[in-house]
Amino acid sequence: MPTSTKLSVRDVVTVRLPAASAYLSVLRTATAGLAARLDFTLDEIEDLRIAVDEACAMLLAQAVPGTDLVCEFELTGEAMRISVSVLTVDGEEPSRDTFAWTVLSSLAGEVDARVGADDRVTVTLQKRRGAAGAP
């Protein structure tokens, strides 16, 4: 049986919870635990916790009441990709020319947003371990 010399480990964890700020501590804790699993530094873990909180705050402001916030964590060897999505009342992407977006980009590294079916807005963050900007 042939073996690969370079294996890529990929895990996906999905968390679904009510779209309310009272539940964001669950996502912050999940983010920290998963980032620690990838051996991110303490500073990188804290940056990710704050970034997830900020992304959720952007989305909760326009969430349809009574819906769920869905957060998908994709873990690879050197990076974590986090997609947060919610059904929105207006289907508008968060503005990319705000201070909040600048802070989010600084904390997470790569940031994107898109609108999908039924006005579901998704903010995606990707942070690489030891990426530029880290001390």
C-alpha atoms as a PDB file:
ATOM      1  CA  MET A   1       0.000   0.000   0.000  1.00  0.00           C
ATOM      2  CA  PRO A   2       1.522   3.379  -1.035  1.00  0.00           C
ATOM      3  CA  THR A   3       2.043   5.941   1.687  1.00  0.00           C
ATOM      4  CA  SER A   4       2.131   9.680   1.353  1.00  0.00           C
ATOM      5  CA  THR A   5       5.205  11.506   2.559  1.00  0.00           C
ATOM      6  CA  LYS A   6       3.118  14.521   3.465  1.00  0.00           C
ATOM      7  CA  LEU A   7      -0.138  13.902   5.297  1.00  0.00           C
ATOM      8  CA  SER A   8      -2.575  16.732   5.841  1.00  0.00           C
ATOM      9  CA  VAL A   9      -4.708  16.435   8.950  1.00  0.00           C
ATOM     10  CA  ARG A  10      -8.023  18.253   8.718  1.00  0.00           C
ATOM     11  CA  ASP A  11     -10.643  18.345  11.438  1.00  0.00           C
ATOM     12  CA  VAL A  12     -13.912  20.254  11.316  1.00  0.00           C
ATOM     13  CA  VAL A  13     -15.865  21.221  14.420  1.00  0.00           C
ATOM     14  CA  THR A  14     -19.284  22.882  14.093  1.00  0.00           C
ATOM     15  CA  VAL A  15     -21.002  24.749  16.925  1.00  0.00           C
ATOM     16  CA  ARG A  16     -24.632  25.889  16.575  1.00  0.00           C
ATOM     17  CA  LEU A  17     -26.130  28.124  19.241  1.00  0.00           C
ATOM     18  CA  PRO A  18     -28.811  30.792  19.615  1.00  0.00           C
ATOM     19  CA  ALA A  19     -27.930  34.080  17.895  1.00  0.00           C
ATOM     20  CA  ALA A  20     -27.634  36.000  21.148  1.00  0.00           C
ATOM     21  CA  SER A  21     -24.628  37.638  22.773  1.00  0.00           C
ATOM     22  CA  ALA A  22     -25.204  35.661  25.995  1.00  0.00           C
ATOM     23  CA  TYR A  23     -23.804  32.567  24.238  1.00  0.00           C
ATOM     24  CA  LEU A  24     -20.608  34.088  22.804  1.00  0.00           C
ATOM     25  CA  SER A  25     -18.536  32.913  25.764  1.00  0.00           C
ATOM     26  CA  VAL A  26     -19.091  29.354  24.493  1.00  0.00           C
ATOM     27  CA  LEU A  27     -17.501  30.257  21.152  1.00  0.00           C
ATOM     28  CA  ARG A  28     -14.611  32.096  22.791  1.00  0.00           C
ATOM     29  CA  THR A  29     -13.881  29.031  24.914  1.00  0.00           C
ATOM     30  CA  ALA A  30     -14.160  26.644  21.948  1.00  0.00           C
ATOM     31  CA  THR A  31     -11.849  28.902  19.921  1.00  0.00           C
ATOM     32  CA  ALA A  32      -9.220  28.922  22.654  1.00  0.00           C
ATOM     33  CA  GLY A  33      -9.356  25.161  23.143  1.00  0.00           C
ATOM     34  CA  LEU A  34      -9.075  24.367  19.446  1.00  0.00           C
ATOM     35  CA  ALA A  35      -6.282  26.890  18.883  1.00  0.00           C
ATOM     36  CA  ALA A  36      -4.364  25.396  21.817  1.00  0.00           C
ATOM     37  CA  ARG A  37      -4.729  21.986  20.162  1.00  0.00           C
ATOM     38  CA  LEU A  38      -2.823  23.408  17.159  1.00  0.00           C
ATOM     39  CA  ASP A  39      -0.097  24.796  19.446  1.00  0.00           C
ATOM     40  CA  PHE A  40      -0.894  28.457  18.810  1.00  0.00           C
ATOM     41  CA  THR A  41       0.879  30.805  21.210  1.00  0.00           C
ATOM     42  CA  LEU A  42      -1.046  32.384  24.071  1.00  0.00           C
ATOM     43  CA  ASP A  43      -1.065  35.722  22.218  1.00  0.00           C
ATOM     44  CA  GLU A  44      -2.385  34.077  19.029  1.00  0.00           C
ATOM     45  CA  ILE A  45      -5.089  32.289  21.026  1.00  0.00           C
ATOM     46  CA  GLU A  46      -6.199  35.529  22.631  1.00  0.00           C
ATOM     47  CA  ASP A  47      -6.222  37.289  19.237  1.00  0.00           C
ATOM     48  CA  LEU A  48      -8.473  34.545  17.860  1.00  0.00           C
ATOM     49  CA  ARG A  49     -10.827  34.728  20.845  1.00  0.00           C
ATOM     50  CA  ILE A  50     -11.233  38.473  20.355  1.00  0.00           C
ATOM     51  CA  ALA A  51     -11.585  38.095  16.569  1.00  0.00           C
ATOM     52  CA  VAL A  52     -14.368  35.505  16.904  1.00  0.00           C
ATOM     53  CA  ASP A  53     -16.134  37.743  19.391  1.00  0.00           C
ATOM     54  CA  GLU A  54     -15.855  40.732  17.023  1.00  0.00           C
ATOM     55  CA  ALA A  55     -17.069  38.748  13.990  1.00  0.00           C
ATOM     56  CA  CYS A  56     -20.062  37.505  15.974  1.00  0.00           C
ATOM     57  CA  ALA A  57     -20.866  41.011  17.196  1.00  0.00           C
ATOM     58  CA  MET A  58     -20.946  42.221  13.576  1.00  0.00           C
ATOM     59  CA  LEU A  59     -23.347  39.448  12.615  1.00  0.00           C
ATOM     60  CA  LEU A  60     -25.593  39.522  15.683  1.00  0.00           C
ATOM     61  CA  ALA A  61     -26.421  43.159  14.980  1.00  0.00           C
ATOM     62  CA  GLN A  62     -28.307  42.057  11.854  1.00  0.00           C
ATOM     63  CA  ALA A  63     -29.437  38.539  12.856  1.00  0.00           C
ATOM     64  CA  VAL A  64     -33.033  37.456  12.406  1.00  0.00           C
ATOM     65  CA  PRO A  65     -34.453  37.104  15.959  1.00  0.00           C
ATOM     66  CA  GLY A  66     -34.792  33.514  17.123  1.00  0.00           C
ATOM     67  CA  THR A  67     -32.286  32.062  14.631  1.00  0.00           C
ATOM     68  CA  ASP A  68     -29.045  30.217  15.256  1.00  0.00           C
ATOM     69  CA  LEU A  69     -25.469  31.362  14.883  1.00  0.00           C
ATOM     70  CA  VAL A  70     -23.345  28.655  13.249  1.00  0.00           C
ATOM     71  CA  CYS A  71     -19.603  28.572  13.757  1.00  0.00           C
ATOM     72  CA  GLU A  72     -17.418  26.120  11.859  1.00  0.00           C
ATOM     73  CA  PHE A  73     -13.810  25.611  12.882  1.00  0.00           C
ATOM     74  CA  GLU A  74     -11.559  23.957  10.313  1.00  0.00           C
ATOM     75  CA  LEU A  75      -8.248  22.838  11.732  1.00  0.00           C
ATOM     76  CA  THR A  76      -5.249  22.027   9.582  1.00  0.00           C
ATOM     77  CA  GLY A  77      -1.633  21.501  10.548  1.00  0.00           C
ATOM     78  CA  GLU A  78      -0.608  25.156  10.573  1.00  0.00           C
ATOM     79  CA  ALA A  79      -3.853  27.149  10.501  1.00  0.00           C
ATOM     80  CA  MET A  80      -7.362  27.544  11.803  1.00  0.00           C
ATOM     81  CA  ARG A  81     -10.190  28.700   9.551  1.00  0.00           C
ATOM     82  CA  ILE A  82     -13.303  29.926  11.349  1.00  0.00           C
ATOM     83  CA  SER A  83     -16.573  30.638   9.551  1.00  0.00           C
ATOM     84  CA  VAL A  84     -19.351  32.323  11.484  1.00  0.00           C
ATOM     85  CA  SER A  85     -22.756  32.660   9.837  1.00  0.00           C
ATOM     86  CA  VAL A  86     -26.299  33.740  10.640  1.00  0.00           C
ATOM     87  CA  LEU A  87     -29.532  34.446   8.811  1.00  0.00           C
ATOM     88  CA  THR A  88     -29.862  38.220   8.567  1.00  0.00           C
ATOM     89  CA  VAL A  89     -32.730  40.638   8.122  1.00  0.00           C
ATOM     90  CA  ASP A  90     -31.052  42.517   5.260  1.00  0.00           C
ATOM     91  CA  GLY A  91     -28.443  40.223   3.678  1.00  0.00           C
ATOM     92  CA  GLU A  92     -25.760  42.912   3.888  1.00  0.00           C
ATOM     93  CA  GLU A  93     -22.080  42.080   4.280  1.00  0.00           C
ATOM     94  CA  PRO A  94     -20.315  43.876   7.116  1.00  0.00           C
ATOM     95  CA  SER A  95     -18.631  47.020   5.884  1.00  0.00           C
ATOM     96  CA  ARG A  96     -14.943  46.519   5.159  1.00  0.00           C
ATOM     97  CA  ASP A  97     -13.993  50.150   5.658  1.00  0.00           C
ATOM     98  CA  THR A  98     -14.748  50.351   9.379  1.00  0.00           C
ATOM     99  CA  PHE A  99     -12.465  50.357  12.380  1.00  0.00           C
ATOM    100  CA  ALA A 100     -14.033  47.047  13.497  1.00  0.00           C
ATOM    101  CA  TRP A 101     -13.075  45.372  10.193  1.00  0.00           C
ATOM    102  CA  THR A 102      -9.515  46.729  10.472  1.00  0.00           C
ATOM    103  CA  VAL A 103      -9.197  45.355  14.005  1.00  0.00           C
ATOM    104  CA  LEU A 104     -10.637  42.020  12.885  1.00  0.00           C
ATOM    105  CA  SER A 105      -8.139  41.791  10.024  1.00  0.00           C
ATOM    106  CA  SER A 106      -5.271  42.655  12.346  1.00  0.00           C
ATOM    107  CA  LEU A 107      -6.250  39.987  14.863  1.00  0.00           C
ATOM    108  CA  ALA A 108      -7.159  37.141  12.520  1.00  0.00           C
ATOM    109  CA  GLY A 109      -4.897  37.568   9.515  1.00  0.00           C
ATOM    110  CA  GLU A 110      -7.163  36.742   6.572  1.00  0.00           C
ATOM    111  CA  VAL A 111     -10.786  37.924   6.768  1.00  0.00           C
ATOM    112  CA  ASP A 112     -13.615  37.700   4.259  1.00  0.00           C
ATOM    113  CA  ALA A 113     -17.390  38.011   4.205  1.00  0.00           C
ATOM    114  CA  ARG A 114     -20.065  36.830   1.836  1.00  0.00           C
ATOM    115  CA  VAL A 115     -23.822  36.625   1.480  1.00  0.00           C
ATOM    116  CA  GLY A 116     -25.339  33.250   0.690  1.00  0.00           C
ATOM    117  CA  ALA A 117     -28.795  31.804   0.220  1.00  0.00           C
ATOM    118  CA  ASP A 118     -31.687  33.246   2.236  1.00  0.00           C
ATOM    119  CA  ASP A 119     -29.609  36.289   3.266  1.00  0.00           C
ATOM    120  CA  ARG A 120     -27.217  34.163   5.349  1.00  0.00           C
ATOM    121  CA  VAL A 121     -24.105  36.249   5.967  1.00  0.00           C
ATOM    122  CA  THR A 122     -20.811  34.510   6.717  1.00  0.00           C
ATOM    123  CA  VAL A 123     -17.620  36.034   8.063  1.00  0.00           C
ATOM    124  CA  THR A 124     -14.557  33.839   7.589  1.00  0.00           C
ATOM    125  CA  LEU A 125     -11.307  34.239   9.508  1.00  0.00           C
ATOM    126  CA  GLN A 126      -8.082  32.377   8.899  1.00  0.00           C
ATOM    127  CA  LYS A 127      -5.126  32.532  11.206  1.00  0.00           C
ATOM    128  CA  ARG A 128      -1.861  30.748  10.576  1.00  0.00           C
ATOM    129  CA  ARG A 129       0.331  29.740  13.463  1.00  0.00           C
ATOM    130  CA  GLY A 130       3.307  32.095  13.767  1.00  0.00           C
ATOM    131  CA  ALA A 131       1.952  34.369  10.997  1.00  0.00           C
ATOM    132  CA  ALA A 132       3.323  37.812  10.243  1.00  0.00           C
ATOM    133  CA  GLY A 133       2.272  40.351  12.810  1.00  0.00           C
ATOM    134  CA  ALA A 134       2.909  37.964  15.662  1.00  0.00           C
ATOM    135  CA  PRO A 135       5.713  38.950  18.031  1.00  0.00           C
END
